[in-house]
PDB file of N, CA and C in Angstrom:
ATOM      1  N   UNK A   1      70.617 110.679 102.450  1.00  0.00           N
ATOM      2  CA  UNK A   1      71.932 110.968 102.983  1.00  0.00           C
ATOM      3  C   UNK A   1      72.993 110.296 102.109  1.00  0.00           C
ATOM      4  N   UNK A   2      74.056 111.008 101.847  1.00  0.00           N
ATOM      5  CA  UNK A   2      75.167 110.486 101.076  1.00  0.00           C
ATOM      6  C   UNK A   2      75.989 109.540 101.941  1.00  0.00           C
ATOM      7  N   UNK A   3      76.629 108.576 101.312  1.00  0.00           N
ATOM      8  CA  UNK A   3      77.530 107.683 102.037  1.00  0.00           C
ATOM      9  C   UNK A   3      78.855 108.392 102.279  1.00  0.00           C
ATOM     10  N   UNK A   4      79.097 108.816 103.503  1.00  0.00           N
ATOM     11  CA  UNK A   4      80.341 109.470 103.860  1.00  0.00           C
ATOM     12  C   UNK A   4      81.248 108.444 104.511  1.00  0.00           C
ATOM     13  N   UNK A   5      82.520 108.466 104.126  1.00  0.00           N
ATOM     14  CA  UNK A   5      83.479 107.532 104.713  1.00  0.00           C
ATOM     15  C   UNK A   5      84.023 108.109 106.013  1.00  0.00           C
ATOM     16  N   UNK A   6      84.277 107.239 106.972  1.00  0.00           N
ATOM     17  CA  UNK A   6      84.834 107.669 108.244  1.00  0.00           C
ATOM     18  C   UNK A   6      86.123 106.912 108.533  1.00  0.00           C
ATOM     19  N   UNK A   7      86.938 107.516 109.380  1.00  0.00           N
ATOM     20  CA  UNK A   7      88.091 106.812 109.929  1.00  0.00           C
ATOM     21  C   UNK A   7      88.368 107.361 111.315  1.00  0.00           C
ATOM     22  N   UNK A   8      89.023 106.575 112.120  1.00  0.00           N
ATOM     23  CA  UNK A   8      89.402 106.964 113.470  1.00  0.00           C
ATOM     24  C   UNK A   8      90.906 107.130 113.495  1.00  0.00           C
ATOM     25  N   UNK A   9      91.367 108.296 113.965  1.00  0.00           N
ATOM     26  CA  UNK A   9      92.811 108.546 113.978  1.00  0.00           C
ATOM     27  C   UNK A   9      93.458 107.933 115.226  1.00  0.00           C
ATOM     28  N   UNK A  10      94.759 108.120 115.367  1.00  0.00           N
ATOM     29  CA  UNK A  10      95.528 107.526 116.464  1.00  0.00           C
ATOM     30  C   UNK A  10      95.083 108.033 117.836  1.00  0.00           C
ATOM     31  N   UNK A  11      94.443 109.209 117.865  1.00  0.00           N
ATOM     32  CA  UNK A  11      93.955 109.770 119.131  1.00  0.00           C
ATOM     33  C   UNK A  11      92.527 109.334 119.444  1.00  0.00           C
ATOM     34  N   UNK A  12      91.962 108.486 118.591  1.00  0.00           N
ATOM     35  CA  UNK A  12      90.603 108.002 118.816  1.00  0.00           C
ATOM     36  C   UNK A  12      89.518 108.937 118.324  1.00  0.00           C
ATOM     37  N   UNK A  13      89.891 109.949 117.540  1.00  0.00           N
ATOM     38  CA  UNK A  13      88.916 110.907 117.006  1.00  0.00           C
ATOM     39  C   UNK A  13      88.351 110.358 115.699  1.00  0.00           C
ATOM     40  N   UNK A  14      87.032 110.368 115.601  1.00  0.00           N
ATOM     41  CA  UNK A  14      86.382 109.903 114.374  1.00  0.00           C
ATOM     42  C   UNK A  14      86.217 111.070 113.404  1.00  0.00           C
ATOM     43  N   UNK A  15      86.648 110.865 112.175  1.00  0.00           N
ATOM     44  CA  UNK A  15      86.599 111.876 111.123  1.00  0.00           C
ATOM     45  C   UNK A  15      85.691 111.399 110.005  1.00  0.00           C
ATOM     46  N   UNK A  16      84.881 112.303 109.508  1.00  0.00           N
ATOM     47  CA  UNK A  16      83.961 112.018 108.417  1.00  0.00           C
ATOM     48  C   UNK A  16      84.448 112.744 107.167  1.00  0.00           C
ATOM     49  N   UNK A  17      84.697 111.995 106.094  1.00  0.00           N
ATOM     50  CA  UNK A  17      85.140 112.615 104.832  1.00  0.00           C
ATOM     51  C   UNK A  17      83.913 113.209 104.141  1.00  0.00           C
ATOM     52  N   UNK A  18      83.934 114.548 103.919  1.00  0.00           N
ATOM     53  CA  UNK A  18      82.725 115.198 103.425  1.00  0.00           C
ATOM     54  C   UNK A  18      82.818 115.789 102.024  1.00  0.00           C
ATOM     55  N   UNK A  19      84.023 116.135 101.559  1.00  0.00           N
ATOM     56  CA  UNK A  19      84.151 116.656 100.194  1.00  0.00           C
ATOM     57  C   UNK A  19      85.625 116.735  99.810  1.00  0.00           C
ATOM     58  N   UNK A  20      85.868 116.999  98.565  1.00  0.00           N
ATOM     59  CA  UNK A  20      87.240 117.210  98.088  1.00  0.00           C
ATOM     60  C   UNK A  20      87.714 118.603  98.507  1.00  0.00           C
ATOM     61  N   UNK A  21      88.982 118.715  98.823  1.00  0.00           N
ATOM     62  CA  UNK A  21      89.556 120.004  99.223  1.00  0.00           C
ATOM     63  C   UNK A  21      89.352 121.073  98.158  1.00  0.00           C
ATOM     64  N   UNK A  22      89.460 120.683  96.899  1.00  0.00           N
ATOM     65  CA  UNK A  22      89.336 121.630  95.791  1.00  0.00           C
ATOM     66  C   UNK A  22      87.940 122.241  95.686  1.00  0.00           C
ATOM     67  N   UNK A  23      86.958 121.685  96.387  1.00  0.00           N
ATOM     68  CA  UNK A  23      85.586 122.210  96.339  1.00  0.00           C
ATOM     69  C   UNK A  23      85.372 123.379  97.296  1.00  0.00           C
ATOM     70  N   UNK A  24      86.334 123.646  98.175  1.00  0.00           N
ATOM     71  CA  UNK A  24      86.191 124.720  99.168  1.00  0.00           C
ATOM     72  C   UNK A  24      87.148 125.847  98.779  1.00  0.00           C
ATOM     73  N   UNK A  25      86.568 127.006  98.456  1.00  0.00           N
ATOM     74  CA  UNK A  25      87.336 128.133  97.929  1.00  0.00           C
ATOM     75  C   UNK A  25      87.338 129.313  98.899  1.00  0.00           C
ATOM     76  N   UNK A  26      88.355 130.145  98.770  1.00  0.00           N
ATOM     77  CA  UNK A  26      88.397 131.407  99.525  1.00  0.00           C
ATOM     78  C   UNK A  26      87.220 132.271  99.068  1.00  0.00           C
ATOM     79  N   UNK A  27      86.631 133.016  99.985  1.00  0.00           N
ATOM     80  CA  UNK A  27      85.563 133.989  99.733  1.00  0.00           C
ATOM     81  C   UNK A  27      84.222 133.391  99.334  1.00  0.00           C
ATOM     82  N   UNK A  28      84.081 132.063  99.378  1.00  0.00           N
ATOM     83  CA  UNK A  28      82.803 131.416  99.050  1.00  0.00           C
ATOM     84  C   UNK A  28      82.548 130.286 100.036  1.00  0.00           C
ATOM     85  N   UNK A  29      81.316 130.166 100.478  1.00  0.00           N
ATOM     86  CA  UNK A  29      80.957 129.068 101.367  1.00  0.00           C
ATOM     87  C   UNK A  29      80.511 127.856 100.574  1.00  0.00           C
ATOM     88  N   UNK A  30      80.581 126.701 101.217  1.00  0.00           N
ATOM     89  CA  UNK A  30      80.100 125.456 100.627  1.00  0.00           C
ATOM     90  C   UNK A  30      79.183 124.784 101.633  1.00  0.00           C
ATOM     91  N   UNK A  31      78.023 124.390 101.151  1.00  0.00           N
ATOM     92  CA  UNK A  31      77.048 123.718 102.014  1.00  0.00           C
ATOM     93  C   UNK A  31      77.207 122.210 101.917  1.00  0.00           C
ATOM     94  N   UNK A  32      77.184 121.559 103.087  1.00  0.00           N
ATOM     95  CA  UNK A  32      77.222 120.103 103.173  1.00  0.00           C
ATOM     96  C   UNK A  32      76.063 119.680 104.076  1.00  0.00           C
ATOM     97  N   UNK A  33      75.107 118.961 103.518  1.00  0.00           N
ATOM     98  CA  UNK A  33      73.979 118.462 104.297  1.00  0.00           C
ATOM     99  C   UNK A  33      74.241 116.995 104.637  1.00  0.00           C
ATOM    100  N   UNK A  34      74.603 116.742 105.883  1.00  0.00           N
ATOM    101  CA  UNK A  34      74.871 115.373 106.321  1.00  0.00           C
ATOM    102  C   UNK A  34      73.552 114.648 106.581  1.00  0.00           C
ATOM    103  N   UNK A  35      72.720 115.236 107.428  1.00  0.00           N
ATOM    104  CA  UNK A  35      71.397 114.701 107.766  1.00  0.00           C
ATOM    105  C   UNK A  35      70.609 115.830 108.424  1.00  0.00           C
ATOM    106  N   UNK A  36      69.463 115.530 109.017  1.00  0.00           N
ATOM    107  CA  UNK A  36      68.651 116.589 109.613  1.00  0.00           C
ATOM    108  C   UNK A  36      69.348 117.272 110.790  1.00  0.00           C
ATOM    109  N   UNK A  37      70.268 116.593 111.417  1.00  0.00           N
ATOM    110  CA  UNK A  37      70.980 117.171 112.563  1.00  0.00           C
ATOM    111  C   UNK A  37      72.176 118.025 112.142  1.00  0.00           C
ATOM    112  N   UNK A  38      72.813 117.665 111.041  1.00  0.00           N
ATOM    113  CA  UNK A  38      74.046 118.352 110.640  1.00  0.00           C
ATOM    114  C   UNK A  38      73.924 118.930 109.234  1.00  0.00           C
ATOM    115  N   UNK A  39      73.694 120.240 109.181  1.00  0.00           N
ATOM    116  CA  UNK A  39      73.721 121.016 107.948  1.00  0.00           C
ATOM    117  C   UNK A  39      74.903 121.967 108.143  1.00  0.00           C
ATOM    118  N   UNK A  40      75.953 121.786 107.370  1.00  0.00           N
ATOM    119  CA  UNK A  40      77.230 122.453 107.621  1.00  0.00           C
ATOM    120  C   UNK A  40      77.568 123.499 106.565  1.00  0.00           C
ATOM    121  N   UNK A  41      78.361 124.484 106.975  1.00  0.00           N
ATOM    122  CA  UNK A  41      78.904 125.490 106.075  1.00  0.00           C
ATOM    123  C   UNK A  41      80.422 125.441 106.187  1.00  0.00           C
ATOM    124  N   UNK A  42      81.084 125.246 105.047  1.00  0.00           N
ATOM    125  CA  UNK A  42      82.549 125.223 105.006  1.00  0.00           C
ATOM    126  C   UNK A  42      83.056 126.513 104.391  1.00  0.00           C
ATOM    127  N   UNK A  43      84.141 127.017 104.942  1.00  0.00           N
ATOM    128  CA  UNK A  43      84.782 128.219 104.429  1.00  0.00           C
ATOM    129  C   UNK A  43      86.288 128.032 104.454  1.00  0.00           C
ATOM    130  N   UNK A  44      86.971 128.523 103.438  1.00  0.00           N
ATOM    131  CA  UNK A  44      88.432 128.512 103.424  1.00  0.00           C
ATOM    132  C   UNK A  44      88.892 129.930 103.749  1.00  0.00           C
ATOM    133  N   UNK A  45      89.701 130.037 104.820  1.00  0.00           N
ATOM    134  CA  UNK A  45      90.228 131.326 105.270  1.00  0.00           C
ATOM    135  C   UNK A  45      91.736 131.194 105.381  1.00  0.00           C
ATOM    136  N   UNK A  46      92.454 132.003 104.630  1.00  0.00           N
ATOM    137  CA  UNK A  46      93.916 131.981 104.621  1.00  0.00           C
ATOM    138  C   UNK A  46      94.448 130.568 104.387  1.00  0.00           C
ATOM    139  N   UNK A  47      93.774 129.841 103.502  1.00  0.00           N
ATOM    140  CA  UNK A  47      94.221 128.506 103.129  1.00  0.00           C
ATOM    141  C   UNK A  47      93.676 127.376 103.983  1.00  0.00           C
ATOM    142  N   UNK A  48      93.070 127.690 105.125  1.00  0.00           N
ATOM    143  CA  UNK A  48      92.559 126.660 106.033  1.00  0.00           C
ATOM    144  C   UNK A  48      91.040 126.535 105.928  1.00  0.00           C
ATOM    145  N   UNK A  49      90.544 125.297 106.002  1.00  0.00           N
ATOM    146  CA  UNK A  49      89.111 125.057 105.944  1.00  0.00           C
ATOM    147  C   UNK A  49      88.527 125.086 107.350  1.00  0.00           C
ATOM    148  N   UNK A  50      87.415 125.808 107.495  1.00  0.00           N
ATOM    149  CA  UNK A  50      86.698 125.916 108.764  1.00  0.00           C
ATOM    150  C   UNK A  50      85.267 125.475 108.545  1.00  0.00           C
ATOM    151  N   UNK A  51      84.670 124.895 109.572  1.00  0.00           N
ATOM    152  CA  UNK A  51      83.325 124.363 109.470  1.00  0.00           C
ATOM    153  C   UNK A  51      82.467 124.856 110.638  1.00  0.00           C
ATOM    154  N   UNK A  52      81.307 125.420 110.297  1.00  0.00           N
ATOM    155  CA  UNK A  52      80.332 125.854 111.288  1.00  0.00           C
ATOM    156  C   UNK A  52      78.961 125.318 110.879  1.00  0.00           C
ATOM    157  N   UNK A  53      78.027 125.395 111.799  1.00  0.00           N
ATOM    158  CA  UNK A  53      76.649 125.047 111.459  1.00  0.00           C
ATOM    159  C   UNK A  53      76.169 126.005 110.377  1.00  0.00           C
ATOM    160  N   UNK A  54      75.423 125.482 109.437  1.00  0.00           N
ATOM    161  CA  UNK A  54      74.869 126.298 108.369  1.00  0.00           C
ATOM    162  C   UNK A  54      73.543 126.932 108.771  1.00  0.00           C
ATOM    163  N   UNK A  55      73.050 126.622 109.956  1.00  0.00           N
ATOM    164  CA  UNK A  55      71.733 127.080 110.383  1.00  0.00           C
ATOM    165  C   UNK A  55      71.854 128.364 111.193  1.00  0.00           C
ATOM    166  N   UNK A  56      71.232 129.403 110.696  1.00  0.00           N
ATOM    167  CA  UNK A  56      71.225 130.702 111.365  1.00  0.00           C
ATOM    168  C   UNK A  56      70.474 130.592 112.695  1.00  0.00           C
ATOM    169  N   UNK A  57      71.081 130.992 113.814  1.00  0.00           N
ATOM    170  CA  UNK A  57      70.407 130.890 115.109  1.00  0.00           C
ATOM    171  C   UNK A  57      69.210 131.835 115.238  1.00  0.00           C
ATOM    172  N   UNK A  58      69.160 132.882 114.449  1.00  0.00           N
ATOM    173  CA  UNK A  58      68.093 133.874 114.544  1.00  0.00           C
ATOM    174  C   UNK A  58      66.793 133.372 113.928  1.00  0.00           C
ATOM    175  N   UNK A  59      66.844 132.894 112.717  1.00  0.00           N
ATOM    176  CA  UNK A  59      65.631 132.452 112.014  1.00  0.00           C
ATOM    177  C   UNK A  59      65.607 130.950 111.740  1.00  0.00           C
ATOM    178  N   UNK A  60      66.646 130.232 112.186  1.00  0.00           N
ATOM    179  CA  UNK A  60      66.740 128.773 111.995  1.00  0.00           C
ATOM    180  C   UNK A  60      66.694 128.369 110.518  1.00  0.00           C
ATOM    181  N   UNK A  61      67.277 129.190 109.674  1.00  0.00           N
ATOM    182  CA  UNK A  61      67.319 128.911 108.240  1.00  0.00           C
ATOM    183  C   UNK A  61      68.737 128.482 107.847  1.00  0.00           C
ATOM    184  N   UNK A  62      68.880 127.499 106.940  1.00  0.00           N
ATOM    185  CA  UNK A  62      70.202 127.018 106.516  1.00  0.00           C
ATOM    186  C   UNK A  62      70.794 127.892 105.404  1.00  0.00           C
ATOM    187  N   UNK A  63      71.313 129.066 105.790  1.00  0.00           N
ATOM    188  CA  UNK A  63      71.773 130.042 104.798  1.00  0.00           C
ATOM    189  C   UNK A  63      73.183 130.582 105.041  1.00  0.00           C
ATOM    190  N   UNK A  64      73.830 130.181 106.109  1.00  0.00           N
ATOM    191  CA  UNK A  64      75.128 130.766 106.465  1.00  0.00           C
ATOM    192  C   UNK A  64      76.141 130.606 105.328  1.00  0.00           C
ATOM    193  N   UNK A  65      76.165 129.449 104.658  1.00  0.00           N
ATOM    194  CA  UNK A  65      77.122 129.206 103.578  1.00  0.00           C
ATOM    195  C   UNK A  65      77.024 130.242 102.466  1.00  0.00           C
ATOM    196  N   UNK A  66      75.854 130.865 102.319  1.00  0.00           N
ATOM    197  CA  UNK A  66      75.611 131.807 101.228  1.00  0.00           C
ATOM    198  C   UNK A  66      75.943 133.247 101.619  1.00  0.00           C
ATOM    199  N   UNK A  67      76.445 133.448 102.825  1.00  0.00           N
ATOM    200  CA  UNK A  67      76.771 134.799 103.282  1.00  0.00           C
ATOM    201  C   UNK A  67      78.074 135.312 102.699  1.00  0.00           C
ATOM    202  N   UNK A  68      78.228 136.619 102.740  1.00  0.00           N
ATOM    203  CA  UNK A  68      79.467 137.264 102.303  1.00  0.00           C
ATOM    204  C   UNK A  68      80.521 137.019 103.374  1.00  0.00           C
ATOM    205  N   UNK A  69      81.717 136.594 102.948  1.00  0.00           N
ATOM    206  CA  UNK A  69      82.791 136.338 103.910  1.00  0.00           C
ATOM    207  C   UNK A  69      83.986 137.225 103.605  1.00  0.00           C
ATOM    208  N   UNK A  70      84.466 137.888 104.646  1.00  0.00           N
ATOM    209  CA  UNK A  70      85.657 138.740 104.548  1.00  0.00           C
ATOM    210  C   UNK A  70      86.467 138.580 105.826  1.00  0.00           C
ATOM    211  N   UNK A  71      87.743 138.299 105.667  1.00  0.00           N
ATOM    212  CA  UNK A  71      88.668 138.199 106.797  1.00  0.00           C
ATOM    213  C   UNK A  71      88.182 137.209 107.862  1.00  0.00           C
ATOM    214  N   UNK A  72      87.574 136.110 107.425  1.00  0.00           N
ATOM    215  CA  UNK A  72      87.124 135.082 108.351  1.00  0.00           C
ATOM    216  C   UNK A  72      85.779 135.350 108.998  1.00  0.00           C
ATOM    217  N   UNK A  73      85.120 136.443 108.619  1.00  0.00           N
ATOM    218  CA  UNK A  73      83.816 136.804 109.172  1.00  0.00           C
ATOM    219  C   UNK A  73      82.760 136.631 108.085  1.00  0.00           C
ATOM    220  N   UNK A  74      81.729 135.833 108.388  1.00  0.00           N
ATOM    221  CA  UNK A  74      80.637 135.643 107.438  1.00  0.00           C
ATOM    222  C   UNK A  74      79.433 136.454 107.919  1.00  0.00           C
ATOM    223  N   UNK A  75      78.790 137.121 106.975  1.00  0.00           N
ATOM    224  CA  UNK A  75      77.588 137.892 107.271  1.00  0.00           C
ATOM    225  C   UNK A  75      76.385 137.102 106.791  1.00  0.00           C
ATOM    226  N   UNK A  76      75.482 136.787 107.695  1.00  0.00           N
ATOM    227  CA  UNK A  76      74.283 136.028 107.355  1.00  0.00           C
ATOM    228  C   UNK A  76      73.458 136.824 106.346  1.00  0.00           C
ATOM    229  N   UNK A  77      73.068 136.199 105.229  1.00  0.00           N
ATOM    230  CA  UNK A  77      72.292 136.912 104.220  1.00  0.00           C
ATOM    231  C   UNK A  77      70.853 137.211 104.654  1.00  0.00           C
ATOM    232  N   UNK A  78      70.384 136.604 105.728  1.00  0.00           N
ATOM    233  CA  UNK A  78      69.004 136.827 106.183  1.00  0.00           C
ATOM    234  C   UNK A  78      68.828 138.161 106.919  1.00  0.00           C
ATOM    235  N   UNK A  79      69.815 138.498 107.781  1.00  0.00           N
ATOM    236  CA  UNK A  79      69.596 139.669 108.637  1.00  0.00           C
ATOM    237  C   UNK A  79      70.872 140.419 109.000  1.00  0.00           C
ATOM    238  N   UNK A  80      71.998 139.969 108.460  1.00  0.00           N
ATOM    239  CA  UNK A  80      73.238 140.709 108.661  1.00  0.00           C
ATOM    240  C   UNK A  80      74.036 140.386 109.896  1.00  0.00           C
ATOM    241  N   UNK A  81      73.610 139.392 110.684  1.00  0.00           N
ATOM    242  CA  UNK A  81      74.448 139.011 111.824  1.00  0.00           C
ATOM    243  C   UNK A  81      75.771 138.509 111.290  1.00  0.00           C
ATOM    244  N   UNK A  82      76.852 138.784 112.021  1.00  0.00           N
ATOM    245  CA  UNK A  82      78.202 138.437 111.575  1.00  0.00           C
ATOM    246  C   UNK A  82      78.837 137.445 112.542  1.00  0.00           C
ATOM    247  N   UNK A  83      79.450 136.386 111.963  1.00  0.00           N
ATOM    248  CA  UNK A  83      80.074 135.329 112.755  1.00  0.00           C
ATOM    249  C   UNK A  83      81.490 135.070 112.273  1.00  0.00           C
ATOM    250  N   UNK A  84      82.387 134.817 113.222  1.00  0.00           N
ATOM    251  CA  UNK A  84      83.743 134.401 112.894  1.00  0.00           C
ATOM    252  C   UNK A  84      83.685 132.898 112.604  1.00  0.00           C
ATOM    253  N   UNK A  85      84.024 132.490 111.390  1.00  0.00           N
ATOM    254  CA  UNK A  85      83.912 131.075 111.021  1.00  0.00           C
ATOM    255  C   UNK A  85      84.981 130.216 111.685  1.00  0.00           C
ATOM    256  N   UNK A  86      85.991 130.838 112.278  1.00  0.00           N
ATOM    257  CA  UNK A  86      87.029 130.081 112.978  1.00  0.00           C
ATOM    258  C   UNK A  86      86.601 129.699 114.388  1.00  0.00           C
ATOM    259  N   UNK A  87      85.688 130.490 114.978  1.00  0.00           N
ATOM    260  CA  UNK A  87      85.262 130.252 116.357  1.00  0.00           C
ATOM    261  C   UNK A  87      83.751 130.091 116.511  1.00  0.00           C
ATOM    262  N   UNK A  88      82.994 130.559 115.521  1.00  0.00           N
ATOM    263  CA  UNK A  88      81.538 130.546 115.588  1.00  0.00           C
ATOM    264  C   UNK A  88      80.956 131.732 116.329  1.00  0.00           C
ATOM    265  N   UNK A  89      81.815 132.542 116.947  1.00  0.00           N
ATOM    266  CA  UNK A  89      81.373 133.654 117.784  1.00  0.00           C
ATOM    267  C   UNK A  89      80.742 134.775 116.961  1.00  0.00           C
ATOM    268  N   UNK A  90      79.602 135.282 117.452  1.00  0.00           N
ATOM    269  CA  UNK A  90      78.943 136.433 116.836  1.00  0.00           C
ATOM    270  C   UNK A  90      79.727 137.682 117.209  1.00  0.00           C
ATOM    271  N   UNK A  91      79.743 138.677 116.326  1.00  0.00           N
ATOM    272  CA  UNK A  91      80.532 139.882 116.584  1.00  0.00           C
ATOM    273  C   UNK A  91      80.014 140.692 117.772  1.00  0.00           C
ATOM    274  N   UNK A  92      78.748 140.552 118.114  1.00  0.00           N
ATOM    275  CA  UNK A  92      78.191 141.231 119.288  1.00  0.00           C
ATOM    276  C   UNK A  92      77.123 140.320 119.887  1.00  0.00           C
ATOM    277  N   UNK A  93      77.056 140.270 121.191  1.00  0.00           N
ATOM    278  CA  UNK A  93      76.061 139.426 121.837  1.00  0.00           C
ATOM    279  C   UNK A  93      76.611 138.049 122.157  1.00  0.00           C
ATOM    280  N   UNK A  94      75.717 137.173 122.562  1.00  0.00           N
ATOM    281  CA  UNK A  94      76.149 135.860 123.030  1.00  0.00           C
ATOM    282  C   UNK A  94      75.857 134.739 122.046  1.00  0.00           C
ATOM    283  N   UNK A  95      75.170 135.035 120.963  1.00  0.00           N
ATOM    284  CA  UNK A  95      74.845 134.003 119.980  1.00  0.00           C
ATOM    285  C   UNK A  95      76.124 133.438 119.377  1.00  0.00           C
ATOM    286  N   UNK A  96      76.100 132.140 119.097  1.00  0.00           N
ATOM    287  CA  UNK A  96      77.287 131.484 118.543  1.00  0.00           C
ATOM    288  C   UNK A  96      76.844 130.351 117.626  1.00  0.00           C
ATOM    289  N   UNK A  97      77.577 130.163 116.538  1.00  0.00           N
ATOM    290  CA  UNK A  97      77.361 129.015 115.657  1.00  0.00           C
ATOM    291  C   UNK A  97      78.190 127.843 116.171  1.00  0.00           C
ATOM    292  N   UNK A  98      77.617 126.647 116.208  1.00  0.00           N
ATOM    293  CA  UNK A  98      78.449 125.494 116.546  1.00  0.00           C
ATOM    294  C   UNK A  98      79.583 125.356 115.523  1.00  0.00           C
ATOM    295  N   UNK A  99      80.780 125.045 116.014  1.00  0.00           N
ATOM    296  CA  UNK A  99      81.971 124.852 115.167  1.00  0.00           C
ATOM    297  C   UNK A  99      82.380 123.392 115.210  1.00  0.00           C
ATOM    298  N   UNK A 100      82.972 122.943 114.125  1.00  0.00           N
ATOM    299  CA  UNK A 100      83.430 121.562 114.044  1.00  0.00           C
ATOM    300  C   UNK A 100      84.872 121.543 113.562  1.00  0.00           C
ATOM    301  N   UNK A 101      85.663 120.716 114.197  1.00  0.00           N
ATOM    302  CA  UNK A 101      87.073 120.582 113.850  1.00  0.00           C
ATOM    303  C   UNK A 101      87.188 119.973 112.450  1.00  0.00           C
ATOM    304  N   UNK A 102      88.104 120.510 111.659  1.00  0.00           N
ATOM    305  CA  UNK A 102      88.330 119.998 110.305  1.00  0.00           C
ATOM    306  C   UNK A 102      89.784 119.618 110.116  1.00  0.00           C
ATOM    307  N   UNK A 103      90.002 118.829 109.095  1.00  0.00           N
ATOM    308  CA  UNK A 103      91.366 118.509 108.665  1.00  0.00           C
ATOM    309  C   UNK A 103      91.311 118.204 107.180  1.00  0.00           C
ATOM    310  N   UNK A 104      92.441 118.458 106.523  1.00  0.00           N
ATOM    311  CA  UNK A 104      92.573 118.120 105.103  1.00  0.00           C
ATOM    312  C   UNK A 104      93.683 117.094 104.972  1.00  0.00           C
ATOM    313  N   UNK A 105      93.407 116.089 104.166  1.00  0.00           N
ATOM    314  CA  UNK A 105      94.384 115.028 103.974  1.00  0.00           C
ATOM    315  C   UNK A 105      94.141 114.370 102.622  1.00  0.00           C
ATOM    316  N   UNK A 106      95.205 114.201 101.855  1.00  0.00           N
ATOM    317  CA  UNK A 106      95.142 113.525 100.561  1.00  0.00           C
ATOM    318  C   UNK A 106      94.063 114.093  99.642  1.00  0.00           C
ATOM    319  N   UNK A 107      93.884 115.422  99.675  1.00  0.00           N
ATOM    320  CA  UNK A 107      92.925 116.074  98.797  1.00  0.00           C
ATOM    321  C   UNK A 107      91.482 116.022  99.255  1.00  0.00           C
ATOM    322  N   UNK A 108      91.237 115.623 100.502  1.00  0.00           N
ATOM    323  CA  UNK A 108      89.891 115.530 101.048  1.00  0.00           C
ATOM    324  C   UNK A 108      89.750 116.395 102.289  1.00  0.00           C
ATOM    325  N   UNK A 109      88.514 116.852 102.562  1.00  0.00           N
ATOM    326  CA  UNK A 109      88.182 117.552 103.795  1.00  0.00           C
ATOM    327  C   UNK A 109      87.444 116.579 104.697  1.00  0.00           C
ATOM    328  N   UNK A 110      87.885 116.547 105.958  1.00  0.00           N
ATOM    329  CA  UNK A 110      87.267 115.709 106.976  1.00  0.00           C
ATOM    330  C   UNK A 110      86.763 116.606 108.096  1.00  0.00           C
ATOM    331  N   UNK A 111      85.689 116.167 108.738  1.00  0.00           N
ATOM    332  CA  UNK A 111      85.152 116.932 109.864  1.00  0.00           C
ATOM    333  C   UNK A 111      84.888 115.981 111.022  1.00  0.00           C
ATOM    334  N   UNK A 112      85.108 116.493 112.236  1.00  0.00           N
ATOM    335  CA  UNK A 112      84.799 115.764 113.460  1.00  0.00           C
ATOM    336  C   UNK A 112      83.501 116.346 113.995  1.00  0.00           C
ATOM    337  N   UNK A 113      82.431 115.573 113.991  1.00  0.00           N
ATOM    338  CA  UNK A 113      81.123 116.074 114.416  1.00  0.00           C
ATOM    339  C   UNK A 113      80.869 115.918 115.908  1.00  0.00           C
ATOM    340  N   UNK A 114      81.851 115.486 116.670  1.00  0.00           N
ATOM    341  CA  UNK A 114      81.702 115.327 118.124  1.00  0.00           C
ATOM    342  C   UNK A 114      81.800 116.647 118.836  1.00  0.00           C
TER     343      UNK A 114
END
């Protein structure tokens, strides 16, 4: 596991610094492996960074970051399920990817894993 820096904001929310902002691009996902519990996929949509679980709920494979993304919707490369990276919601059915709150500050991306 990489040494990730954390800080607690004025509202008591703990933020984990996970990568530089410049590493997250429009139309491409970025994988961040925190530990066995948190394998994350970052996406930039309309300038904002969004974070969802990188683990596909269908086959439990860490591939979401590698999916095609258009208009905030990522298509899983394993089987074509589509998820909104802003909400984690699947386009049909009840399956959902866990979402994590993000923020960018001083050229870094932070995530709240709570």
